[in-house]
């Protein structure tokens, strides 16, 4: 994924590259169907089902079931799932993904002052807000592109305010495992 370009793929070790942006929209540009100019914030492939790929994009959340050949927008603005940076997929089921939404590009902050993780179990058809154990007032946590990770039932994310949160039950409940760290740019689990 390349910011201001979109998704680009090589299958020959980098000799040739091909755009993989079919189905993505540029709703802030005159030509919303343009092949180039997409701002993919993060892209994640499901290791157990590699044809399932997810991305958090500047204009929403997208998923692909054909290895990024085509994309489907699965944002749910009414559920708070639209703008944000990171996305993580379940390592076994390509229909399961987590995102950490932010209010908007102009207001990079939690929605309504409460922190939540958006999770889908059905390929983005429906989204739920996971809040159990996360701060719901005066939360100023912003999560960067690489600071959300998942493996089996373990999901973890770190924020710019130095908070590290972990869930051991697929995101149903959360606990803070560290506070007051420097801004967290990347989280990995395994």
N, C-alpha and C. Protein backbone atom coordinates (compact mmCIF):
# COMPACT_ATOMS: atom_id res chain seq x y z
N UNK A 1 0.84 -1.18 0.00
CA UNK A 1 0.00 0.00 0.00
C UNK A 1 0.88 1.23 0.00
N UNK A 2 0.52 2.20 -0.80
CA UNK A 2 1.27 3.43 -0.93
C UNK A 2 0.31 4.60 -0.72
N UNK A 3 0.61 5.45 0.24
CA UNK A 3 -0.21 6.63 0.47
C UNK A 3 -0.19 7.51 -0.77
N UNK A 4 -1.33 8.01 -1.17
CA UNK A 4 -1.59 8.83 -2.36
C UNK A 4 -1.48 8.06 -3.67
N UNK A 5 -1.36 6.76 -3.62
CA UNK A 5 -1.37 5.94 -4.83
C UNK A 5 -2.41 4.83 -4.70
N UNK A 6 -2.33 4.05 -3.63
CA UNK A 6 -3.25 2.95 -3.43
C UNK A 6 -2.51 1.64 -3.24
N UNK A 7 -3.14 0.56 -3.67
CA UNK A 7 -2.56 -0.77 -3.55
C UNK A 7 -1.87 -1.11 -4.86
N UNK A 8 -0.62 -1.56 -4.74
CA UNK A 8 0.17 -1.92 -5.91
C UNK A 8 0.75 -3.31 -5.66
N UNK A 9 0.71 -4.18 -6.68
CA UNK A 9 1.16 -5.57 -6.50
C UNK A 9 2.24 -5.94 -7.51
N UNK A 10 3.18 -6.72 -7.03
CA UNK A 10 4.16 -7.35 -7.93
C UNK A 10 4.11 -8.85 -7.69
N UNK A 11 4.23 -9.61 -8.75
CA UNK A 11 4.28 -11.08 -8.62
C UNK A 11 5.56 -11.64 -9.23
N UNK A 12 6.48 -10.74 -9.60
CA UNK A 12 7.72 -11.18 -10.22
C UNK A 12 8.95 -10.56 -9.54
N UNK A 13 8.87 -10.41 -8.24
CA UNK A 13 10.02 -9.92 -7.48
C UNK A 13 10.32 -8.44 -7.69
N UNK A 14 9.35 -7.68 -8.14
CA UNK A 14 9.53 -6.25 -8.29
C UNK A 14 9.87 -5.78 -9.69
N UNK A 15 9.92 -6.68 -10.68
CA UNK A 15 10.22 -6.26 -12.05
C UNK A 15 9.08 -5.44 -12.64
N UNK A 16 7.84 -5.88 -12.38
CA UNK A 16 6.66 -5.14 -12.85
C UNK A 16 5.69 -4.98 -11.68
N UNK A 17 4.89 -3.91 -11.78
CA UNK A 17 3.92 -3.58 -10.73
C UNK A 17 2.58 -3.28 -11.38
N UNK A 18 1.48 -3.62 -10.66
CA UNK A 18 0.13 -3.41 -11.17
C UNK A 18 -0.75 -2.79 -10.09
N UNK A 19 -1.57 -1.83 -10.50
CA UNK A 19 -2.52 -1.21 -9.58
C UNK A 19 -3.58 -2.23 -9.18
N UNK A 20 -3.96 -2.24 -7.92
CA UNK A 20 -5.01 -3.12 -7.40
C UNK A 20 -5.99 -2.25 -6.61
N UNK A 21 -6.66 -1.33 -7.32
CA UNK A 21 -7.55 -0.37 -6.69
C UNK A 21 -8.99 -0.45 -7.19
N UNK A 22 -9.32 -1.50 -7.94
CA UNK A 22 -10.65 -1.63 -8.51
C UNK A 22 -11.70 -1.77 -7.39
N UNK A 23 -12.69 -0.89 -7.43
CA UNK A 23 -13.75 -0.91 -6.43
C UNK A 23 -13.57 0.15 -5.35
N UNK A 24 -12.37 0.70 -5.23
CA UNK A 24 -12.15 1.77 -4.26
C UNK A 24 -12.63 3.09 -4.86
N UNK A 25 -13.11 3.97 -3.99
CA UNK A 25 -13.64 5.27 -4.42
C UNK A 25 -12.79 6.39 -3.84
N UNK A 26 -12.69 7.45 -4.59
CA UNK A 26 -12.02 8.68 -4.16
C UNK A 26 -13.11 9.74 -4.00
N UNK A 27 -13.88 9.66 -2.93
CA UNK A 27 -15.03 10.54 -2.78
C UNK A 27 -14.67 12.00 -2.54
N UNK A 28 -13.39 12.31 -2.39
CA UNK A 28 -12.95 13.69 -2.20
C UNK A 28 -12.25 14.24 -3.45
N UNK A 29 -12.35 13.53 -4.57
CA UNK A 29 -11.72 13.95 -5.82
C UNK A 29 -12.77 14.09 -6.91
N UNK A 30 -12.49 14.88 -7.95
CA UNK A 30 -13.47 15.03 -9.04
C UNK A 30 -13.82 13.71 -9.73
N UNK A 31 -12.83 12.84 -9.92
CA UNK A 31 -13.09 11.53 -10.54
C UNK A 31 -12.99 10.47 -9.44
N UNK A 32 -14.11 10.11 -8.84
CA UNK A 32 -14.08 9.17 -7.71
C UNK A 32 -13.67 7.76 -8.12
N UNK A 33 -13.68 7.44 -9.42
CA UNK A 33 -13.29 6.12 -9.88
C UNK A 33 -11.86 6.07 -10.43
N UNK A 34 -11.07 7.11 -10.19
CA UNK A 34 -9.69 7.15 -10.70
C UNK A 34 -8.89 5.97 -10.16
N UNK A 35 -8.02 5.43 -11.02
CA UNK A 35 -7.22 4.27 -10.63
C UNK A 35 -6.15 4.63 -9.61
N UNK A 36 -5.63 5.85 -9.67
CA UNK A 36 -4.54 6.28 -8.79
C UNK A 36 -5.00 7.41 -7.89
N UNK A 37 -4.33 7.56 -6.76
CA UNK A 37 -4.61 8.65 -5.84
C UNK A 37 -5.24 8.21 -4.54
N UNK A 38 -5.38 6.92 -4.34
CA UNK A 38 -5.98 6.39 -3.12
C UNK A 38 -5.00 6.52 -1.95
N UNK A 39 -5.54 6.69 -0.77
CA UNK A 39 -4.71 6.87 0.42
C UNK A 39 -4.96 5.70 1.37
N UNK A 40 -4.33 4.60 1.09
CA UNK A 40 -4.46 3.42 1.92
C UNK A 40 -3.63 3.61 3.18
N UNK A 41 -4.29 3.62 4.32
CA UNK A 41 -3.59 3.83 5.59
C UNK A 41 -2.87 2.56 6.04
N UNK A 42 -3.53 1.43 5.92
CA UNK A 42 -2.89 0.15 6.29
C UNK A 42 -3.60 -0.97 5.56
N UNK A 43 -2.85 -1.99 5.20
CA UNK A 43 -3.39 -3.16 4.51
C UNK A 43 -2.94 -4.40 5.26
N UNK A 44 -3.82 -5.39 5.35
CA UNK A 44 -3.51 -6.60 6.11
C UNK A 44 -4.14 -7.81 5.42
N UNK A 45 -3.33 -8.84 5.21
CA UNK A 45 -3.79 -10.09 4.62
C UNK A 45 -4.00 -11.10 5.73
N UNK A 46 -5.03 -11.93 5.62
CA UNK A 46 -5.27 -13.01 6.57
C UNK A 46 -4.30 -14.15 6.24
N UNK A 47 -3.44 -14.51 7.19
CA UNK A 47 -2.42 -15.53 6.93
C UNK A 47 -3.05 -16.91 6.67
N UNK A 48 -4.18 -17.21 7.28
CA UNK A 48 -4.82 -18.52 7.08
C UNK A 48 -5.73 -18.58 5.87
N UNK A 49 -6.06 -17.43 5.31
CA UNK A 49 -6.91 -17.34 4.11
C UNK A 49 -6.41 -16.15 3.29
N UNK A 50 -5.28 -16.31 2.59
CA UNK A 50 -4.60 -15.17 1.97
C UNK A 50 -5.38 -14.43 0.90
N UNK A 51 -6.46 -14.97 0.39
CA UNK A 51 -7.28 -14.22 -0.56
C UNK A 51 -8.07 -13.11 0.14
N UNK A 52 -8.19 -13.20 1.47
CA UNK A 52 -8.91 -12.17 2.23
C UNK A 52 -7.92 -11.10 2.68
N UNK A 53 -8.14 -9.88 2.17
CA UNK A 53 -7.28 -8.75 2.45
C UNK A 53 -8.17 -7.60 2.93
N UNK A 54 -7.67 -6.88 3.91
CA UNK A 54 -8.40 -5.74 4.47
C UNK A 54 -7.55 -4.49 4.38
N UNK A 55 -8.22 -3.34 4.31
CA UNK A 55 -7.50 -2.08 4.39
C UNK A 55 -8.36 -1.03 5.07
N UNK A 56 -7.68 -0.20 5.84
CA UNK A 56 -8.26 1.02 6.38
C UNK A 56 -7.77 2.11 5.44
N UNK A 57 -8.68 2.79 4.79
CA UNK A 57 -8.37 3.76 3.75
C UNK A 57 -8.81 5.14 4.21
N UNK A 58 -8.29 6.16 3.59
CA UNK A 58 -8.63 7.54 3.98
C UNK A 58 -10.14 7.79 3.88
N UNK A 59 -10.81 7.06 3.02
CA UNK A 59 -12.26 7.26 2.84
C UNK A 59 -13.09 6.10 3.36
N UNK A 60 -12.50 5.19 4.13
CA UNK A 60 -13.29 4.11 4.71
C UNK A 60 -12.52 2.82 4.88
N UNK A 61 -13.28 1.78 5.19
CA UNK A 61 -12.74 0.43 5.38
C UNK A 61 -13.14 -0.41 4.17
N UNK A 62 -12.16 -1.14 3.63
CA UNK A 62 -12.39 -1.98 2.45
C UNK A 62 -11.94 -3.40 2.73
N UNK A 63 -12.59 -4.35 2.03
CA UNK A 63 -12.17 -5.74 2.10
C UNK A 63 -12.15 -6.34 0.69
N UNK A 64 -11.33 -7.36 0.53
CA UNK A 64 -11.24 -8.08 -0.74
C UNK A 64 -11.25 -9.56 -0.44
N UNK A 65 -11.99 -10.31 -1.23
CA UNK A 65 -12.02 -11.77 -1.09
C UNK A 65 -11.29 -12.47 -2.23
N UNK A 66 -10.65 -11.67 -3.10
CA UNK A 66 -9.95 -12.25 -4.25
C UNK A 66 -8.50 -11.77 -4.34
N UNK A 67 -7.85 -11.67 -3.20
CA UNK A 67 -6.43 -11.32 -3.20
C UNK A 67 -6.13 -9.91 -3.65
N UNK A 68 -7.03 -8.98 -3.39
CA UNK A 68 -6.88 -7.55 -3.72
C UNK A 68 -7.08 -7.25 -5.20
N UNK A 69 -7.68 -8.17 -5.93
CA UNK A 69 -8.01 -7.87 -7.33
C UNK A 69 -9.14 -6.85 -7.40
N UNK A 70 -10.12 -6.97 -6.47
CA UNK A 70 -11.22 -6.02 -6.37
C UNK A 70 -11.50 -5.76 -4.89
N UNK A 71 -12.10 -4.60 -4.62
CA UNK A 71 -12.37 -4.18 -3.25
C UNK A 71 -13.84 -3.85 -3.06
N UNK A 72 -14.30 -4.05 -1.83
CA UNK A 72 -15.67 -3.69 -1.45
C UNK A 72 -15.59 -2.80 -0.21
N UNK A 73 -16.25 -1.65 -0.27
CA UNK A 73 -16.27 -0.75 0.88
C UNK A 73 -17.26 -1.29 1.92
N UNK A 74 -16.77 -1.44 3.16
CA UNK A 74 -17.60 -2.01 4.22
C UNK A 74 -17.65 -1.10 5.45
N UNK A 75 -17.43 0.18 5.23
CA UNK A 75 -17.53 1.15 6.32
C UNK A 75 -18.95 1.15 6.88
N UNK A 76 -19.06 1.54 8.13
CA UNK A 76 -20.36 1.68 8.78
C UNK A 76 -20.33 2.96 9.62
N UNK A 77 -20.44 4.12 8.96
CA UNK A 77 -20.34 5.39 9.69
C UNK A 77 -21.32 5.51 10.86
N UNK A 78 -22.51 4.93 10.74
CA UNK A 78 -23.47 4.99 11.85
C UNK A 78 -22.98 4.22 13.06
N UNK A 79 -22.11 3.24 12.85
CA UNK A 79 -21.53 2.46 13.96
C UNK A 79 -20.15 3.02 14.34
N UNK A 80 -19.75 4.14 13.73
CA UNK A 80 -18.46 4.75 14.04
C UNK A 80 -17.30 4.13 13.30
N UNK A 81 -17.55 3.23 12.37
CA UNK A 81 -16.47 2.55 11.64
C UNK A 81 -16.36 3.18 10.26
N UNK A 82 -15.37 4.06 10.11
CA UNK A 82 -15.17 4.70 8.82
C UNK A 82 -13.73 5.18 8.69
N UNK A 83 -13.38 6.29 9.36
CA UNK A 83 -12.03 6.83 9.25
C UNK A 83 -11.16 6.24 10.36
N UNK A 84 -9.92 5.98 10.03
CA UNK A 84 -8.96 5.49 11.00
C UNK A 84 -7.70 5.05 10.29
N UNK A 85 -6.81 4.42 11.03
CA UNK A 85 -5.52 4.04 10.44
C UNK A 85 -5.24 2.54 10.45
N UNK A 86 -5.29 1.84 11.57
CA UNK A 86 -4.88 0.43 11.54
C UNK A 86 -6.04 -0.51 11.23
N UNK A 87 -5.68 -1.68 10.76
CA UNK A 87 -6.62 -2.79 10.59
C UNK A 87 -5.84 -4.07 10.90
N UNK A 88 -6.50 -5.01 11.53
CA UNK A 88 -5.90 -6.33 11.80
C UNK A 88 -6.92 -7.39 11.42
N UNK A 89 -6.42 -8.52 10.95
CA UNK A 89 -7.31 -9.63 10.59
C UNK A 89 -7.03 -10.82 11.49
N UNK A 90 -8.05 -11.63 11.65
CA UNK A 90 -7.89 -12.88 12.36
C UNK A 90 -6.95 -13.76 11.53
N UNK A 91 -6.09 -14.49 12.19
CA UNK A 91 -5.11 -15.31 11.46
C UNK A 91 -5.71 -16.57 10.84
N UNK A 92 -6.96 -16.89 11.21
CA UNK A 92 -7.59 -18.11 10.69
C UNK A 92 -8.78 -17.84 9.79
N UNK A 93 -9.53 -16.78 10.09
CA UNK A 93 -10.80 -16.51 9.40
C UNK A 93 -10.71 -15.13 8.75
N UNK A 94 -10.66 -15.09 7.44
CA UNK A 94 -10.52 -13.85 6.70
C UNK A 94 -11.71 -12.93 6.76
N UNK A 95 -12.82 -13.39 7.32
CA UNK A 95 -14.00 -12.53 7.46
C UNK A 95 -13.97 -11.72 8.74
N UNK A 96 -13.03 -12.03 9.65
CA UNK A 96 -12.93 -11.36 10.94
C UNK A 96 -11.82 -10.31 10.89
N UNK A 97 -12.18 -9.08 11.28
CA UNK A 97 -11.20 -7.99 11.28
C UNK A 97 -11.53 -7.01 12.41
N UNK A 98 -10.51 -6.28 12.81
CA UNK A 98 -10.64 -5.24 13.83
C UNK A 98 -10.10 -3.93 13.26
N UNK A 99 -10.74 -2.81 13.62
CA UNK A 99 -10.24 -1.48 13.28
C UNK A 99 -10.35 -0.59 14.52
N UNK A 100 -9.53 0.41 14.56
CA UNK A 100 -9.63 1.44 15.60
C UNK A 100 -10.02 2.74 14.91
N UNK A 101 -11.29 3.10 15.00
CA UNK A 101 -11.76 4.29 14.30
C UNK A 101 -11.35 5.58 14.99
N UNK A 102 -11.25 6.60 14.19
CA UNK A 102 -11.08 7.96 14.68
C UNK A 102 -12.24 8.79 14.18
N UNK A 103 -12.39 9.96 14.72
CA UNK A 103 -13.53 10.81 14.35
C UNK A 103 -13.49 11.15 12.86
N UNK A 104 -12.38 11.74 12.39
CA UNK A 104 -12.28 12.11 10.98
C UNK A 104 -10.85 12.59 10.70
N UNK A 105 -10.59 12.87 9.44
CA UNK A 105 -9.28 13.40 9.06
C UNK A 105 -9.02 14.75 9.73
N UNK A 106 -10.05 15.55 9.85
CA UNK A 106 -9.92 16.87 10.44
C UNK A 106 -9.92 16.83 11.97
N UNK A 107 -10.42 15.74 12.56
CA UNK A 107 -10.46 15.58 14.01
C UNK A 107 -9.91 14.20 14.36
N UNK A 108 -8.61 14.10 14.41
CA UNK A 108 -7.97 12.82 14.68
C UNK A 108 -7.99 12.56 16.18
N UNK A 109 -9.14 12.05 16.61
CA UNK A 109 -9.38 11.78 18.02
C UNK A 109 -10.46 10.71 18.14
N UNK A 110 -10.64 10.21 19.37
CA UNK A 110 -11.68 9.21 19.57
C UNK A 110 -13.05 9.83 19.29
N UNK A 111 -13.99 8.98 19.00
CA UNK A 111 -15.35 9.42 18.70
C UNK A 111 -16.10 9.61 20.02
N UNK A 112 -16.52 10.83 20.28
CA UNK A 112 -17.27 11.10 21.49
C UNK A 112 -16.47 10.98 22.78
N UNK A 113 -15.15 10.97 22.69
CA UNK A 113 -14.31 10.90 23.87
C UNK A 113 -14.15 9.51 24.46
N UNK A 114 -14.75 8.49 23.83
CA UNK A 114 -14.63 7.12 24.31
C UNK A 114 -13.88 6.26 23.31
N UNK A 115 -13.03 5.39 23.81
CA UNK A 115 -12.21 4.52 22.97
C UNK A 115 -12.94 3.21 22.72
N UNK A 116 -12.98 2.77 21.46
CA UNK A 116 -13.54 1.46 21.15
C UNK A 116 -12.82 0.84 19.96
N UNK A 117 -12.93 -0.46 19.88
CA UNK A 117 -12.41 -1.22 18.75
C UNK A 117 -13.62 -1.71 17.97
N UNK A 118 -13.61 -1.50 16.64
CA UNK A 118 -14.66 -2.05 15.79
C UNK A 118 -14.26 -3.44 15.34
N UNK A 119 -15.21 -4.38 15.44
CA UNK A 119 -14.93 -5.75 14.99
C UNK A 119 -16.07 -6.24 14.11
N UNK A 120 -15.69 -6.92 13.04
CA UNK A 120 -16.65 -7.62 12.21
C UNK A 120 -16.31 -9.10 12.22
N UNK A 121 -17.33 -9.93 12.19
CA UNK A 121 -17.13 -11.38 12.10
C UNK A 121 -17.71 -11.94 10.80
N UNK A 122 -18.26 -11.04 9.98
CA UNK A 122 -18.94 -11.49 8.77
C UNK A 122 -18.50 -10.72 7.52
N UNK A 123 -17.23 -10.41 7.46
CA UNK A 123 -16.69 -9.76 6.27
C UNK A 123 -17.12 -8.31 6.09
N UNK A 124 -17.50 -7.66 7.18
CA UNK A 124 -17.86 -6.26 7.11
C UNK A 124 -19.34 -5.98 6.90
N UNK A 125 -20.15 -7.04 6.87
CA UNK A 125 -21.59 -6.82 6.75
C UNK A 125 -22.14 -6.11 7.98
N UNK A 126 -21.64 -6.48 9.16
CA UNK A 126 -22.03 -5.83 10.41
C UNK A 126 -20.79 -5.56 11.23
N UNK A 127 -20.87 -4.54 12.08
CA UNK A 127 -19.77 -4.15 12.96
C UNK A 127 -20.28 -4.01 14.37
N UNK A 128 -19.44 -4.35 15.33
CA UNK A 128 -19.78 -4.12 16.73
C UNK A 128 -18.69 -3.28 17.37
N UNK A 129 -19.09 -2.50 18.37
CA UNK A 129 -18.16 -1.67 19.10
C UNK A 129 -17.75 -2.40 20.37
N UNK A 130 -16.46 -2.69 20.50
CA UNK A 130 -15.92 -3.38 21.67
C UNK A 130 -15.35 -2.33 22.62
N UNK A 131 -15.99 -2.16 23.79
CA UNK A 131 -15.62 -1.10 24.72
C UNK A 131 -15.25 -1.61 26.11
N UNK A 132 -15.55 -2.86 26.43
CA UNK A 132 -15.36 -3.40 27.77
C UNK A 132 -13.89 -3.32 28.19
N UNK A 133 -13.58 -2.50 29.20
CA UNK A 133 -12.22 -2.34 29.70
C UNK A 133 -11.46 -1.17 29.10
N UNK A 134 -12.05 -0.49 28.12
CA UNK A 134 -11.40 0.66 27.49
C UNK A 134 -11.98 1.95 28.07
N UNK A 135 -11.17 3.02 28.16
CA UNK A 135 -11.67 4.27 28.74
C UNK A 135 -12.80 4.86 27.89
N UNK A 136 -13.86 5.31 28.56
CA UNK A 136 -15.02 5.83 27.87
C UNK A 136 -15.24 7.32 28.08
N UNK A 137 -14.37 7.96 28.84
CA UNK A 137 -14.42 9.40 29.01
C UNK A 137 -13.01 9.95 28.92
N UNK A 138 -12.90 11.09 28.28
CA UNK A 138 -11.61 11.79 28.18
C UNK A 138 -10.50 10.89 27.62
N UNK A 139 -10.84 10.07 26.66
CA UNK A 139 -9.84 9.22 26.00
C UNK A 139 -9.23 10.01 24.83
N UNK A 140 -7.93 10.16 24.85
CA UNK A 140 -7.23 10.92 23.82
C UNK A 140 -6.29 10.02 23.03
N UNK A 141 -6.60 8.76 22.98
CA UNK A 141 -5.76 7.77 22.32
C UNK A 141 -6.00 7.78 20.81
N UNK A 142 -4.94 7.99 20.06
CA UNK A 142 -4.95 7.83 18.61
C UNK A 142 -4.04 6.64 18.32
N UNK A 143 -4.42 5.81 17.38
CA UNK A 143 -3.65 4.60 17.10
C UNK A 143 -3.11 4.67 15.67
N UNK A 144 -1.79 4.56 15.56
CA UNK A 144 -1.13 4.63 14.25
C UNK A 144 -1.32 3.35 13.44
N UNK A 145 -0.90 3.42 12.18
CA UNK A 145 -1.12 2.35 11.20
C UNK A 145 -0.66 0.96 11.65
N UNK A 146 0.47 0.87 12.31
CA UNK A 146 1.05 -0.44 12.63
C UNK A 146 0.92 -0.80 14.10
N UNK A 147 0.05 -0.10 14.82
CA UNK A 147 -0.03 -0.30 16.27
C UNK A 147 -1.24 -1.11 16.70
N UNK A 148 -1.76 -1.97 15.82
CA UNK A 148 -2.83 -2.92 16.12
C UNK A 148 -2.43 -4.26 15.53
N UNK A 149 -2.54 -5.32 16.35
CA UNK A 149 -2.15 -6.64 15.86
C UNK A 149 -3.05 -7.70 16.49
N UNK A 150 -3.20 -8.82 15.78
CA UNK A 150 -4.02 -9.92 16.28
C UNK A 150 -3.41 -11.25 15.88
N UNK A 151 -3.58 -12.24 16.73
CA UNK A 151 -3.18 -13.62 16.44
C UNK A 151 -4.07 -14.53 17.27
N UNK A 152 -4.89 -15.31 16.59
CA UNK A 152 -5.88 -16.18 17.25
C UNK A 152 -6.77 -15.32 18.15
N UNK A 153 -6.83 -15.58 19.44
CA UNK A 153 -7.70 -14.82 20.33
C UNK A 153 -7.04 -13.57 20.90
N UNK A 154 -5.74 -13.40 20.70
CA UNK A 154 -5.00 -12.27 21.26
C UNK A 154 -5.05 -11.08 20.29
N UNK A 155 -5.49 -9.94 20.83
CA UNK A 155 -5.53 -8.69 20.06
C UNK A 155 -4.88 -7.63 20.94
N UNK A 156 -4.04 -6.79 20.37
CA UNK A 156 -3.36 -5.76 21.15
C UNK A 156 -3.20 -4.50 20.31
N UNK A 157 -3.22 -3.35 21.01
CA UNK A 157 -2.94 -2.10 20.34
C UNK A 157 -2.31 -1.11 21.31
N UNK A 158 -1.52 -0.21 20.73
CA UNK A 158 -0.87 0.84 21.49
C UNK A 158 -1.23 2.19 20.92
N UNK A 159 -1.18 3.22 21.76
CA UNK A 159 -1.65 4.53 21.33
C UNK A 159 -0.55 5.59 21.38
N UNK A 160 -0.84 6.72 20.81
CA UNK A 160 0.09 7.85 20.81
C UNK A 160 0.28 8.42 22.21
N UNK A 161 -0.64 8.13 23.11
CA UNK A 161 -0.51 8.61 24.49
C UNK A 161 0.22 7.60 25.36
N UNK A 162 0.79 6.54 24.76
CA UNK A 162 1.61 5.59 25.48
C UNK A 162 0.85 4.54 26.26
N UNK A 163 -0.39 4.28 25.88
CA UNK A 163 -1.17 3.23 26.52
C UNK A 163 -1.13 1.97 25.67
N UNK A 164 -0.95 0.82 26.31
CA UNK A 164 -0.93 -0.47 25.63
C UNK A 164 -2.07 -1.31 26.17
N UNK A 165 -2.99 -1.71 25.28
CA UNK A 165 -4.17 -2.49 25.64
C UNK A 165 -4.08 -3.88 25.02
N UNK A 166 -4.56 -4.89 25.77
CA UNK A 166 -4.52 -6.27 25.29
C UNK A 166 -5.87 -6.93 25.58
N UNK A 167 -6.30 -7.76 24.64
CA UNK A 167 -7.47 -8.61 24.82
C UNK A 167 -7.05 -10.04 24.56
N UNK A 168 -7.47 -10.92 25.44
CA UNK A 168 -7.17 -12.35 25.25
C UNK A 168 -8.41 -13.13 24.84
N UNK A 169 -9.50 -12.42 24.56
CA UNK A 169 -10.74 -13.09 24.18
C UNK A 169 -11.33 -12.51 22.89
N UNK A 170 -10.47 -12.28 21.90
CA UNK A 170 -10.91 -11.86 20.57
C UNK A 170 -11.43 -10.43 20.54
N UNK A 171 -11.16 -9.68 21.62
CA UNK A 171 -11.60 -8.30 21.67
C UNK A 171 -12.83 -8.05 22.51
N UNK A 172 -13.40 -9.10 23.08
CA UNK A 172 -14.61 -8.93 23.89
C UNK A 172 -14.35 -8.09 25.14
N UNK A 173 -13.17 -8.23 25.74
CA UNK A 173 -12.81 -7.41 26.90
C UNK A 173 -11.34 -7.03 26.78
N UNK A 174 -11.00 -5.89 27.40
CA UNK A 174 -9.65 -5.32 27.28
C UNK A 174 -9.09 -4.99 28.65
N UNK A 175 -7.77 -5.04 28.72
CA UNK A 175 -7.09 -4.56 29.91
C UNK A 175 -5.88 -3.73 29.48
N UNK A 176 -5.59 -2.71 30.26
CA UNK A 176 -4.41 -1.90 29.98
C UNK A 176 -3.23 -2.59 30.65
N UNK A 177 -2.15 -2.79 29.90
CA UNK A 177 -0.98 -3.46 30.46
C UNK A 177 0.19 -2.52 30.67
N UNK A 178 0.07 -1.29 30.12
CA UNK A 178 1.12 -0.28 30.35
C UNK A 178 0.53 1.09 30.07
N UNK A 179 0.95 2.07 30.87
CA UNK A 179 0.59 3.47 30.67
C UNK A 179 1.86 4.31 30.62
N UNK A 180 1.74 5.50 30.11
CA UNK A 180 2.80 6.51 30.16
C UNK A 180 4.07 6.10 29.42
N UNK A 181 3.93 5.21 28.44
CA UNK A 181 5.05 4.91 27.56
C UNK A 181 5.18 6.06 26.54
N UNK A 182 6.29 6.13 25.83
CA UNK A 182 6.35 7.07 24.71
C UNK A 182 5.28 6.66 23.67
N UNK A 183 4.99 7.50 22.69
CA UNK A 183 4.03 7.11 21.67
C UNK A 183 4.39 5.74 21.08
N UNK A 184 3.38 4.89 20.93
CA UNK A 184 3.59 3.53 20.42
C UNK A 184 3.30 3.54 18.92
N UNK A 185 4.32 3.22 18.14
CA UNK A 185 4.20 3.24 16.68
C UNK A 185 3.87 1.88 16.09
N UNK A 186 4.21 0.79 16.79
CA UNK A 186 4.02 -0.54 16.24
C UNK A 186 3.79 -1.54 17.35
N UNK A 187 2.90 -2.49 17.10
CA UNK A 187 2.62 -3.58 18.03
C UNK A 187 2.58 -4.87 17.22
N UNK A 188 3.20 -5.92 17.73
CA UNK A 188 3.15 -7.24 17.12
C UNK A 188 2.85 -8.27 18.20
N UNK A 189 2.09 -9.29 17.85
CA UNK A 189 1.79 -10.39 18.76
C UNK A 189 2.10 -11.69 18.06
N UNK A 190 2.28 -12.71 18.83
CA UNK A 190 2.56 -14.00 18.21
C UNK A 190 2.62 -15.12 19.22
